[in-house]
Amino acid sequence: MAAEEEAVEVKKNGDGDSKSESKSEPSLPPEPPKIPDVELLIDGFGFMPKSMRELRTSRDKMKKMQDSESELRFSCASSTNIDIVRRYTWKTKNRMTVQVITYGATITTISVPDKKGVPDDVIAGFDTLEEYFQKGNPYFGATIGRCANFIKEATMVVRPSGRMYMLSRNEGHHHYHGGFHGFDKVNWRSYVTGNKVIMSHVSDRFHEGYPGTVMVQVSFEVTCDNTIKIEMKCTTSEPTIVNLSHSPYFNLGGHHSGPESMFDHIITINADKYTVTDDERLVTGEKKVVGGTAYDFRVPRVLKTMISKIPLGGYDVNFCITRGTEQDIAFQARALHPVSGRVLEVYSNQPGLQFYTGNLLPDPDKIVEEFAGMEEEEDEAGHELSDEESEGSEESSVESHIREHAAEGEERKGQKRYGYVPLSGKDGTTYRKHGLFCFMPQNYPDAVNNRNFPNSVLNPGEEYVHRIQYKFGILLVEISHPSSVLNPGEEYVHRIQYKFGILLYKYV
C-alpha cells in the first residue's frame, strides 16, 4: 500500500526529483520595506505641575488674577486637567522634522535642509517643558487665543448687541494675546487620525473676561512636500470675538545664528496697506498705503536695508493682505535666506499678517528693567521706618537713598535702570534682539473696536475657521546683483527684440 502511494506521488510530480528540486530553488530576496513619505511618532515631553492643572474661570477669580499679577504672570494652566504633555514628531522623506507639543499647541522644532542638504532647526524654542512656563517666554511657537494682538484698554463692545465687556489687563492697561492664561498656557487634549494631529480645548464663559463658551479645535499636518498645515476652528454659545493665530519665531539660517543672519533675509509681503500704530503699539484705526515707505515689501527687499528706516527699531506691524473677493487661502509672505538657500512661504485665509522682527527680545547693549524694592528700605540709623514715617516722608527717604547710592547708579522708584537678562533657548542658544522674525497670520488688531476693520465677532451657529500653511523649500540658483558701472575698456550692450505674429487658433 505504501509503495502504491509513493508511485502515485511520483506520478503527480512528474519524476521523483521534481519535488526536491522545487525546494532547492533560490527564493527571491524580500523587498525592502517602503519608506513612508511622512512618519509620525508620539512620545512624552513632560508633566504638568499639580498646582497648575486647574484653570480659574469665574469673574471673581479673574479679578484676583488681575490683582495678583506677579503670581499669575509666570504660571500656566490646563482646563482639561491632563497630566502628560505629549509630543508629536513628523519626519518626511525630504529630511524635514517637525515637533509639536500639547502644551500651548506649540511647535517646538522645524528642521529643514539647506541647499547642501544639511538640516538645521529654524524655529526658536526651549529644551524642557519647565522653560516654556517661564516669564521670559515670548509665546515661542504657540497657538494664540482667544484673541491675538492688543485690545485697547482691555475693553470691547460686541456688536450688534452693543454690550461692553472688560477683559483682563496683562499688558499695562491693555489686553494682549488672550490675557494671563491664553490658549498658549493650556495643555490641550489630542488624538491622531492618519498623519494629522487634532487638539481641542474648551474656553469657559467669562474666562479672561470673554463672553461665551468657546470650543476650539486645532489640527496639525505635515506633508511630504515640506509643508506644515494648521487649521483652527471655533464655535461659541453666545456672541464673542475670536482671532486665533500662531507665533513661530524663525531664522532660516538656524535659530541659533543671531541678528547677523536675520538681517540677510530677503522679505516679500503681499500687502498694499498696513495698519498704523501709536507709541504703545496700538492701532489707531487708520490704514496707510505702503508705497514710498519702509513698509513696502511688495517686491523682495533685503531686511538689512529696510529695518534701519523704521524709527521704532524694527517691525511690529500688521499688514493688510491683498486678496481676491472670493479667495480662501492666499499667499501672504515669503522669506529667503540666500546663504543657506532656505525659503519659507506663508499662506492663510485671514486678512492680516503681523510682521515682527524680535525688537523686544533681550538686547545685551540695552535692556530696560523696572527698579523695585524701595518700599522696605531702612533708614541710615539701621531701623525700618514706621508707618507714619513711611507715609509722611516717603519721598524724602527715596531722595536720600538716591543721593547715598548715586555712585552705584541706583535710580528713584518708578523710574528705570539698565541691565541684561538673557533668554536661553534650545541647545544653549541665547536669543537676542533682532535674532528672529515672526509671521503671524491674523485678523487686524483690535478689530472689534474699529468698525472699518474686518469683522471679528463670532455668533452662535457660525464656525470660525483659520487655515495656515508654512511651506519650506530650497533656492537652487545663486542670487547676484548685476553691476551698473561701466569701466574703461568695457562695452555696454543692450539688445531688444519685438516679435509680431498672427493668432491661428479657430474658435468653434
Protein backbone atom coordinates (compact mmCIF):
# COMPACT_ATOMS: atom_id res chain seq x y z
CA MET A 1 0.00 0.00 0.00
CA ALA A 2 2.83 2.34 0.84
CA ALA A 3 4.51 1.56 -2.48
CA GLU A 4 1.32 2.41 -4.40
CA GLU A 5 1.01 5.76 -2.59
CA GLU A 6 4.65 6.53 -3.38
CA ALA A 7 4.05 5.70 -7.06
CA VAL A 8 1.03 7.98 -7.15
CA GLU A 9 3.05 10.77 -5.57
CA VAL A 10 5.81 10.34 -8.12
CA LYS A 11 3.27 10.40 -10.94
CA LYS A 12 1.80 13.67 -9.68
CA ASN A 13 5.23 15.31 -9.56
CA GLY A 14 6.44 14.03 -12.92
CA ASP A 15 9.54 12.40 -11.52
CA GLY A 16 10.87 11.71 -8.11
CA ASP A 17 13.37 14.58 -8.08
CA SER A 18 10.99 17.38 -9.12
CA LYS A 19 9.62 17.95 -5.64
CA SER A 20 13.03 18.18 -4.04
CA GLU A 21 14.27 20.44 -6.81
CA SER A 22 11.43 22.90 -6.19
CA LYS A 23 12.53 23.17 -2.60
CA SER A 24 16.14 23.85 -3.51
CA GLU A 25 15.38 26.72 -5.90
CA PRO A 26 16.77 30.02 -4.57
CA SER A 27 13.98 32.31 -3.39
CA LEU A 28 13.90 35.99 -4.32
CA PRO A 29 15.11 38.36 -1.59
CA PRO A 30 12.24 40.10 0.21
CA GLU A 31 11.50 43.61 -0.93
CA PRO A 32 12.85 46.23 1.46
CA PRO A 33 10.15 47.97 3.47
CA LYS A 34 8.92 51.09 1.75
CA ILE A 35 9.96 54.27 3.48
CA PRO A 36 6.82 56.29 4.20
CA ASP A 37 6.59 59.78 2.77
CA VAL A 38 5.74 61.07 6.24
CA GLU A 39 6.30 59.25 9.53
CA LEU A 40 4.54 60.31 12.73
CA LEU A 41 5.95 59.42 16.17
CA ILE A 42 4.48 60.06 19.62
CA ASP A 43 6.22 60.41 22.99
CA GLY A 44 6.04 62.47 26.19
CA PHE A 45 7.56 65.90 26.74
CA GLY A 46 6.85 66.33 30.46
CA PHE A 47 4.22 66.56 33.17
CA MET A 48 2.01 69.47 34.15
CA PRO A 49 2.68 70.59 37.75
CA LYS A 50 -0.23 69.74 40.03
CA SER A 51 -0.66 73.33 41.16
CA MET A 52 -1.15 74.42 37.56
CA ARG A 53 -3.75 71.96 36.28
CA GLU A 54 -6.91 73.83 37.13
CA LEU A 55 -7.79 76.95 35.20
CA ARG A 56 -9.58 79.75 37.03
CA THR A 57 -12.71 80.71 35.18
CA SER A 58 -15.10 82.75 37.32
CA ARG A 59 -15.23 86.53 37.36
CA ASP A 60 -14.11 86.68 40.97
CA LYS A 61 -11.07 84.58 40.22
CA MET A 62 -10.37 86.63 37.11
CA LYS A 63 -10.33 89.76 39.27
CA LYS A 64 -7.99 88.00 41.65
CA MET A 65 -5.78 87.23 38.66
CA GLN A 66 -5.56 90.92 37.84
CA ASP A 67 -4.84 91.85 41.46
CA SER A 68 -2.07 89.26 41.85
CA GLU A 69 -0.32 89.78 38.55
CA SER A 70 3.13 88.92 39.90
CA GLU A 71 1.93 85.44 40.84
CA LEU A 72 -0.08 84.61 37.74
CA ARG A 73 2.09 86.12 35.06
CA PHE A 74 4.52 83.25 35.21
CA SER A 75 2.09 80.37 35.73
CA CYS A 76 0.43 78.01 33.34
CA ALA A 77 -2.88 76.19 33.33
CA SER A 78 -4.85 73.32 31.92
CA SER A 79 -8.61 73.40 31.78
CA THR A 80 -8.58 69.73 30.83
CA ASN A 81 -6.65 68.52 33.90
CA ILE A 82 -4.32 66.46 31.71
CA ASP A 83 -1.11 65.45 33.43
CA ILE A 84 1.04 64.43 30.47
CA VAL A 85 2.29 66.87 27.85
CA ARG A 86 2.57 64.85 24.66
CA ARG A 87 4.97 65.47 21.82
CA TYR A 88 4.29 64.60 18.17
CA THR A 89 7.15 64.28 15.69
CA TRP A 90 6.79 64.21 11.89
CA LYS A 91 9.67 63.09 9.67
CA THR A 92 9.39 63.40 5.90
CA LYS A 93 11.34 61.67 3.14
CA ASN A 94 12.76 65.11 2.25
CA ARG A 95 14.57 65.24 5.62
CA MET A 96 12.23 67.65 7.34
CA THR A 97 11.44 67.16 11.05
CA VAL A 98 8.60 68.94 12.86
CA GLN A 99 7.70 68.61 16.55
CA VAL A 100 4.55 69.85 18.29
CA ILE A 101 3.65 69.59 21.98
CA THR A 102 0.17 69.73 23.50
CA TYR A 103 1.13 72.50 25.96
CA GLY A 104 0.03 75.65 24.18
CA ALA A 105 -0.45 73.61 20.96
CA THR A 106 3.15 74.71 20.40
CA ILE A 107 5.53 73.97 17.52
CA THR A 108 8.90 73.35 19.17
CA THR A 109 11.04 72.20 16.23
CA ILE A 110 11.16 72.73 12.46
CA SER A 111 14.32 71.23 10.98
CA VAL A 112 14.77 71.59 7.23
CA PRO A 113 17.80 71.02 4.96
CA ASP A 114 19.75 73.82 3.30
CA LYS A 115 20.97 73.86 -0.32
CA LYS A 116 23.79 71.46 0.64
CA GLY A 117 21.34 69.02 2.19
CA VAL A 118 22.34 69.80 5.77
CA PRO A 119 19.27 70.07 8.05
CA ASP A 120 19.04 72.66 10.80
CA ASP A 121 16.37 73.84 13.24
CA VAL A 122 14.95 77.17 12.06
CA ILE A 123 12.45 77.93 14.84
CA ALA A 124 13.04 79.25 18.36
CA GLY A 125 12.07 77.21 21.40
CA PHE A 126 13.24 75.52 24.59
CA ASP A 127 14.61 72.11 25.52
CA THR A 128 12.36 71.44 28.52
CA LEU A 129 8.71 71.94 29.43
CA GLU A 130 9.62 73.98 32.51
CA GLU A 131 11.33 76.57 30.30
CA TYR A 132 8.06 77.11 28.42
CA PHE A 133 6.48 78.13 31.76
CA GLN A 134 8.99 80.92 32.40
CA LYS A 135 8.26 84.63 32.41
CA GLY A 136 10.61 85.36 29.52
CA ASN A 137 8.89 83.07 27.02
CA PRO A 138 7.66 85.39 24.24
CA TYR A 139 4.99 82.93 23.01
CA PHE A 140 7.57 80.88 21.05
CA GLY A 141 5.71 78.70 18.54
CA ALA A 142 2.43 78.80 20.49
CA THR A 143 -1.21 78.97 19.44
CA ILE A 144 -2.57 82.40 20.37
CA GLY A 145 -6.18 82.93 21.53
CA ARG A 146 -8.89 83.77 22.25
CA CYS A 147 -7.83 87.00 20.55
CA ALA A 148 -4.36 87.64 19.16
CA ASN A 149 -2.67 91.03 19.48
CA PHE A 150 -3.84 94.04 21.51
CA ILE A 151 -7.30 95.11 22.62
CA LYS A 152 -7.03 98.74 23.68
CA GLU A 153 -7.84 99.49 27.33
CA ALA A 154 -8.92 95.83 27.64
CA THR A 155 -12.43 96.95 26.71
CA MET A 156 -14.59 95.79 23.83
CA VAL A 157 -18.11 96.38 22.56
CA VAL A 158 -19.64 93.35 20.85
CA ARG A 159 -21.97 94.42 18.06
CA PRO A 160 -24.77 94.36 17.11
CA SER A 161 -25.90 93.87 20.74
CA GLY A 162 -23.71 96.77 21.86
CA ARG A 163 -22.74 95.06 25.12
CA MET A 164 -19.47 96.17 26.69
CA TYR A 165 -17.05 93.69 28.27
CA MET A 166 -13.95 94.24 30.39
CA LEU A 167 -11.06 91.87 29.73
CA SER A 168 -8.02 91.09 31.83
CA ARG A 169 -5.20 93.63 31.63
CA ASN A 170 -1.99 91.68 31.17
CA GLU A 171 -0.03 94.28 29.18
CA GLY A 172 -0.20 97.58 31.06
CA HIS A 173 -3.77 98.87 30.71
CA HIS A 174 -4.38 96.67 27.70
CA HIS A 175 -5.30 93.09 26.86
CA TYR A 176 -2.74 91.13 24.85
CA HIS A 177 -2.67 87.68 23.23
CA GLY A 178 -5.64 86.29 25.18
CA GLY A 179 -4.68 87.52 28.65
CA PHE A 180 -2.83 85.94 31.56
CA HIS A 181 -3.97 82.42 30.67
CA GLY A 182 -4.43 82.42 26.91
CA PHE A 183 -4.50 79.34 24.72
CA ASP A 184 -0.70 79.28 24.82
CA LYS A 185 -0.84 78.24 28.51
CA VAL A 186 -3.29 75.35 28.16
CA ASN A 187 -2.42 71.67 27.91
CA TRP A 188 -4.70 70.61 25.05
CA ARG A 189 -6.44 67.28 24.57
CA SER A 190 -5.15 65.47 21.48
CA TYR A 191 -5.64 62.48 19.22
CA VAL A 192 -4.24 61.20 15.92
CA THR A 193 -6.02 60.48 12.66
CA GLY A 194 -3.69 59.39 9.85
CA ASN A 195 -0.78 61.84 9.75
CA LYS A 196 -2.88 64.58 11.30
CA VAL A 197 -2.85 65.54 15.00
CA ILE A 198 -6.01 67.19 16.31
CA MET A 199 -6.00 69.14 19.58
CA SER A 200 -9.07 70.50 21.38
CA HIS A 201 -9.86 72.88 24.23
CA VAL A 202 -12.96 74.41 25.82
CA SER A 203 -12.62 78.08 26.80
CA ASP A 204 -15.19 78.76 29.52
CA ARG A 205 -17.60 81.67 29.62
CA PHE A 206 -16.02 84.85 31.03
CA HIS A 207 -12.56 83.31 31.12
CA GLU A 208 -10.24 86.35 30.93
CA GLY A 209 -13.48 88.35 30.58
CA TYR A 210 -14.59 86.93 27.21
CA PRO A 211 -18.31 86.22 26.78
CA GLY A 212 -19.49 82.82 25.60
CA THR A 213 -18.15 79.31 25.99
CA VAL A 214 -15.93 78.58 23.00
CA MET A 215 -15.00 75.13 21.73
CA VAL A 216 -11.67 75.19 19.90
CA GLN A 217 -10.02 72.62 17.66
CA VAL A 218 -6.54 72.93 16.13
CA SER A 219 -5.14 70.39 13.69
CA PHE A 220 -1.52 69.97 12.57
CA GLU A 221 -0.41 68.09 9.48
CA VAL A 222 2.97 67.78 7.76
CA THR A 223 3.09 66.73 4.10
CA CYS A 224 5.89 65.18 2.05
CA ASP A 225 6.49 68.46 0.18
CA ASN A 226 7.70 70.03 3.46
CA THR A 227 4.51 71.94 4.20
CA ILE A 228 3.03 72.44 7.67
CA LYS A 229 -0.75 72.78 7.54
CA ILE A 230 -2.60 74.26 10.51
CA GLU A 231 -6.37 74.55 10.74
CA MET A 232 -8.11 76.28 13.67
CA LYS A 233 -11.87 76.05 14.22
CA CYS A 234 -14.17 77.59 16.85
CA THR A 235 -17.85 77.60 17.79
CA THR A 236 -19.45 79.65 20.55
CA SER A 237 -22.50 79.62 22.84
CA GLU A 238 -23.06 83.39 22.59
CA PRO A 239 -21.66 86.34 20.60
CA THR A 240 -17.95 86.78 21.31
CA ILE A 241 -14.76 87.69 19.48
CA VAL A 242 -12.27 85.22 18.07
CA ASN A 243 -8.94 85.92 16.39
CA LEU A 244 -6.65 82.90 16.60
CA SER A 245 -3.10 82.90 15.34
CA HIS A 246 0.20 81.11 15.61
CA SER A 247 3.53 82.66 16.62
CA PRO A 248 6.58 80.79 15.31
CA TYR A 249 9.85 82.76 15.55
CA PHE A 250 12.03 81.97 12.52
CA ASN A 251 15.61 82.37 11.44
CA LEU A 252 16.21 80.40 8.24
CA GLY A 253 19.94 80.47 8.85
CA GLY A 254 19.27 78.44 12.02
CA HIS A 255 17.53 79.54 15.21
CA HIS A 256 20.97 79.98 16.80
CA SER A 257 22.52 82.19 14.09
CA GLY A 258 21.55 85.57 15.56
CA PRO A 259 20.89 89.08 14.17
CA GLU A 260 23.60 88.98 11.51
CA SER A 261 21.89 86.09 9.80
CA MET A 262 18.41 87.52 10.22
CA PHE A 263 19.34 90.81 8.56
CA ASP A 264 20.37 88.85 5.43
CA HIS A 265 16.82 87.61 4.83
CA ILE A 266 15.01 88.83 1.73
CA ILE A 267 11.36 89.51 2.64
CA THR A 268 8.29 89.74 0.43
CA ILE A 269 4.83 90.62 1.83
CA ASN A 270 1.70 90.62 -0.32
CA ALA A 271 0.17 93.82 1.07
CA ASP A 272 -0.70 97.24 -0.33
CA LYS A 273 -1.55 98.75 3.07
CA TYR A 274 -0.68 98.48 6.76
CA THR A 275 -2.47 99.48 9.96
CA VAL A 276 -0.92 102.49 11.68
CA THR A 277 0.13 102.17 15.36
CA ASP A 278 0.99 104.65 18.09
CA ASP A 279 3.93 104.64 20.50
CA GLU A 280 2.27 101.90 22.58
CA ARG A 281 1.99 99.60 19.52
CA LEU A 282 -1.80 100.10 19.49
CA VAL A 283 -3.62 100.54 16.19
CA THR A 284 -5.16 103.95 15.57
CA GLY A 285 -7.79 102.66 13.12
CA GLU A 286 -6.00 104.23 10.17
CA LYS A 287 -4.71 102.27 7.18
CA LYS A 288 -1.89 103.66 5.05
CA VAL A 289 -0.56 102.73 1.62
CA VAL A 290 2.86 101.06 1.76
CA GLY A 291 4.08 102.70 -1.45
CA GLY A 292 7.03 105.00 -0.88
CA THR A 293 7.52 103.88 2.74
CA ALA A 294 9.76 101.45 4.60
CA TYR A 295 6.75 99.10 4.82
CA ASP A 296 6.75 98.34 1.10
CA PHE A 297 7.66 94.65 0.70
CA ARG A 298 5.57 94.08 -2.42
CA VAL A 299 8.85 93.34 -4.17
CA PRO A 300 11.65 91.41 -2.40
CA ARG A 301 13.63 93.58 0.00
CA VAL A 302 16.76 92.81 1.99
CA LEU A 303 15.81 93.24 5.63
CA LYS A 304 19.13 94.88 6.50
CA THR A 305 18.47 97.82 4.20
CA MET A 306 14.87 98.30 5.36
CA ILE A 307 14.94 97.89 9.14
CA SER A 308 17.20 100.91 9.64
CA LYS A 309 14.42 103.11 8.20
CA ILE A 310 11.97 102.17 10.98
CA PRO A 311 12.07 104.71 13.84
CA LEU A 312 10.97 102.19 16.49
CA GLY A 313 13.99 99.98 15.87
CA GLY A 314 12.25 97.21 13.98
CA TYR A 315 9.00 95.95 12.52
CA ASP A 316 5.98 95.13 14.67
CA VAL A 317 3.12 95.93 12.34
CA ASN A 318 0.03 94.36 10.82
CA PHE A 319 -0.09 94.25 7.02
CA CYS A 320 -3.39 94.28 5.12
CA ILE A 321 -3.07 91.32 2.78
CA THR A 322 -4.09 91.75 -0.85
CA ARG A 323 -6.57 89.01 -1.73
CA GLY A 324 -9.40 88.26 -4.12
CA THR A 325 -13.02 88.77 -3.07
CA GLU A 326 -13.90 85.06 -3.10
CA GLN A 327 -10.38 83.80 -2.40
CA ASP A 328 -9.95 81.41 0.51
CA ILE A 329 -6.30 80.74 1.24
CA ALA A 330 -3.91 83.33 -0.21
CA PHE A 331 -0.19 83.97 -0.41
CA GLN A 332 0.88 86.29 2.41
CA ALA A 333 4.65 86.42 2.72
CA ARG A 334 7.95 84.91 1.67
CA ALA A 335 11.33 84.85 3.40
CA LEU A 336 14.56 83.82 1.63
CA HIS A 337 17.92 83.27 3.29
CA PRO A 338 20.47 83.46 0.44
CA VAL A 339 23.38 81.88 2.36
CA SER A 340 21.55 78.68 3.31
CA GLY A 341 19.17 78.76 0.34
CA ARG A 342 16.15 78.08 2.58
CA VAL A 343 12.83 79.60 1.54
CA LEU A 344 9.67 79.99 3.64
CA GLU A 345 6.27 80.89 2.21
CA VAL A 346 3.20 81.67 4.33
CA TYR A 347 -0.39 81.20 3.19
CA SER A 348 -3.58 81.93 5.12
CA ASN A 349 -7.26 82.79 4.72
CA GLN A 350 -7.05 85.72 7.16
CA PRO A 351 -6.96 89.39 6.08
CA GLY A 352 -3.90 90.42 8.09
CA LEU A 353 -0.29 89.41 8.82
CA GLN A 354 1.71 90.63 11.81
CA PHE A 355 5.37 91.00 10.88
CA TYR A 356 7.65 91.20 13.92
CA THR A 357 11.45 91.34 13.97
CA GLY A 358 12.13 90.48 17.61
CA ASN A 359 12.51 94.07 18.79
CA LEU A 360 11.69 93.22 22.42
CA LEU A 361 13.94 90.19 22.72
CA PRO A 362 16.81 90.75 25.20
CA ASP A 363 19.36 93.25 23.99
CA PRO A 364 22.84 92.83 25.53
CA ASP A 365 23.53 96.51 24.86
CA LYS A 366 20.33 97.99 26.29
CA ILE A 367 17.81 96.10 28.41
CA VAL A 368 15.35 98.10 30.49
CA GLU A 369 14.15 96.70 33.81
CA GLU A 370 11.81 98.11 36.41
CA PHE A 371 13.62 99.04 39.60
CA ALA A 372 11.67 97.90 42.66
CA GLY A 373 12.34 97.18 46.31
CA MET A 374 12.33 100.75 47.57
CA GLU A 375 9.30 100.25 49.80
CA GLU A 376 11.13 98.46 52.59
CA GLU A 377 14.33 100.45 52.63
CA GLU A 378 15.83 101.09 56.01
CA ASP A 379 16.95 104.48 57.18
CA GLU A 380 20.60 105.31 57.86
CA ALA A 381 20.29 104.51 61.56
CA GLY A 382 19.57 100.89 60.65
CA HIS A 383 15.90 100.56 61.71
CA GLU A 384 12.83 100.19 59.49
CA LEU A 385 10.69 103.26 59.02
CA SER A 386 7.45 103.30 60.97
CA ASP A 387 4.10 103.53 59.18
CA GLU A 388 3.80 107.24 59.98
CA GLU A 389 7.36 107.93 58.88
CA SER A 390 6.90 105.94 55.68
CA GLU A 391 3.66 107.80 54.88
CA GLY A 392 4.95 111.24 55.76
CA SER A 393 8.47 111.13 54.49
CA GLU A 394 8.43 108.53 51.72
CA GLU A 395 9.61 110.90 49.05
CA SER A 396 12.41 112.35 51.17
CA SER A 397 13.68 108.90 52.13
CA VAL A 398 13.74 107.90 48.49
CA GLU A 399 15.63 111.04 47.56
CA SER A 400 18.18 110.44 50.32
CA HIS A 401 18.55 106.88 49.12
CA ILE A 402 19.33 108.16 45.62
CA ARG A 403 21.97 110.54 46.94
CA GLU A 404 23.59 107.82 49.02
CA HIS A 405 23.78 105.38 46.12
CA ALA A 406 24.44 107.79 43.26
CA ALA A 407 27.88 106.28 42.77
CA GLU A 408 26.31 102.86 42.24
CA GLY A 409 23.91 104.18 39.59
CA GLU A 410 20.70 103.43 41.56
CA GLU A 411 17.62 105.41 40.49
CA ARG A 412 14.35 106.52 42.02
CA LYS A 413 11.43 104.15 42.47
CA GLY A 414 9.15 104.18 39.44
CA GLN A 415 11.99 105.01 37.06
CA LYS A 416 14.03 102.51 35.09
CA ARG A 417 17.58 101.24 35.03
CA TYR A 418 19.65 99.29 32.54
CA GLY A 419 20.59 95.66 32.93
CA TYR A 420 20.66 92.40 30.97
CA VAL A 421 18.54 89.31 31.48
CA PRO A 422 19.50 86.72 28.84
CA LEU A 423 16.93 84.40 27.29
CA SER A 424 18.39 80.91 26.89
CA GLY A 425 16.81 78.53 24.40
CA LYS A 426 17.44 75.21 22.69
CA ASP A 427 20.96 73.80 22.63
CA GLY A 428 22.24 76.60 24.88
CA THR A 429 21.34 79.32 22.38
CA THR A 430 20.96 82.84 23.73
CA TYR A 431 18.19 84.62 21.83
CA ARG A 432 18.85 88.30 21.20
CA LYS A 433 17.11 91.34 19.81
CA HIS A 434 16.60 91.08 16.03
CA GLY A 435 17.82 87.48 16.07
CA LEU A 436 14.45 86.11 14.95
CA PHE A 437 11.38 87.21 13.00
CA CYS A 438 7.74 86.21 13.21
CA PHE A 439 4.98 85.92 10.60
CA MET A 440 1.56 85.80 12.33
CA PRO A 441 -1.50 85.46 10.07
CA GLN A 442 -4.47 87.07 11.83
CA ASN A 443 -7.39 89.45 11.68
CA TYR A 444 -6.50 93.12 12.15
CA PRO A 445 -5.55 94.05 15.75
CA ASP A 446 -8.37 95.41 17.93
CA ALA A 447 -10.81 94.83 15.06
CA VAL A 448 -13.74 94.67 17.48
CA ASN A 449 -13.27 98.35 18.36
CA ASN A 450 -12.62 99.63 14.82
CA ARG A 451 -15.64 99.50 12.53
CA ASN A 452 -13.55 99.90 9.37
CA PHE A 453 -11.64 96.68 10.18
CA PRO A 454 -12.84 93.17 9.21
CA ASN A 455 -15.41 91.59 11.49
CA SER A 456 -14.07 89.59 14.46
CA VAL A 457 -17.40 88.69 16.13
CA LEU A 458 -18.42 85.02 16.17
CA ASN A 459 -22.10 84.27 16.72
CA PRO A 460 -23.84 81.03 17.78
CA GLY A 461 -24.42 78.76 14.81
CA GLU A 462 -21.38 80.14 12.97
CA GLU A 463 -17.97 78.50 12.66
CA TYR A 464 -14.65 80.32 12.79
CA VAL A 465 -12.08 78.70 10.51
CA HIS A 466 -8.47 79.85 10.16
CA ARG A 467 -6.12 77.96 7.83
CA ILE A 468 -2.36 78.49 7.78
CA GLN A 469 0.31 76.87 5.62
CA TYR A 470 4.07 77.20 6.16
CA LYS A 471 5.85 75.93 3.04
CA PHE A 472 9.60 75.31 3.07
CA GLY A 473 11.83 74.97 0.04
CA ILE A 474 15.35 75.47 -1.27
CA LEU A 475 16.58 78.08 -3.74
CA LEU A 476 18.96 76.30 -6.13
CA VAL A 477 20.03 79.39 -8.08
CA GLU A 478 22.58 81.84 -6.75
CA ILE A 479 21.33 85.40 -6.43
CA SER A 480 23.63 88.08 -7.81
CA HIS A 481 23.12 91.79 -8.21
CA PRO A 482 24.31 92.99 -11.66
CA SER A 483 26.59 95.98 -11.67
CA SER A 484 25.50 99.20 -13.38
CA VAL A 485 29.08 100.57 -13.54
CA LEU A 486 30.77 100.74 -16.96
CA ASN A 487 34.56 100.71 -16.80
CA PRO A 488 37.14 101.76 -19.43
CA GLY A 489 37.72 99.01 -21.96
CA GLU A 490 34.26 97.50 -21.39
CA GLU A 491 31.33 97.69 -23.77
CA TYR A 492 27.71 98.15 -22.77
CA VAL A 493 25.39 96.09 -25.00
CA HIS A 494 21.61 96.01 -24.73
CA ARG A 495 19.58 94.01 -27.27
CA ILE A 496 15.81 94.22 -27.66
CA GLN A 497 13.55 92.29 -30.00
CA TYR A 498 9.86 92.94 -30.64
CA LYS A 499 8.25 89.97 -32.44
CA PHE A 500 4.86 90.13 -34.12
CA GLY A 501 2.71 87.27 -35.30
CA ILE A 502 -0.83 86.11 -36.09
CA LEU A 503 -3.06 84.00 -33.88
CA LEU A 504 -4.05 80.95 -35.94
CA TYR A 505 -6.43 79.36 -33.45
CA LYS A 506 -10.01 78.94 -34.68
CA TYR A 507 -12.83 79.01 -32.15
CA VAL A 508 -15.95 76.92 -32.88
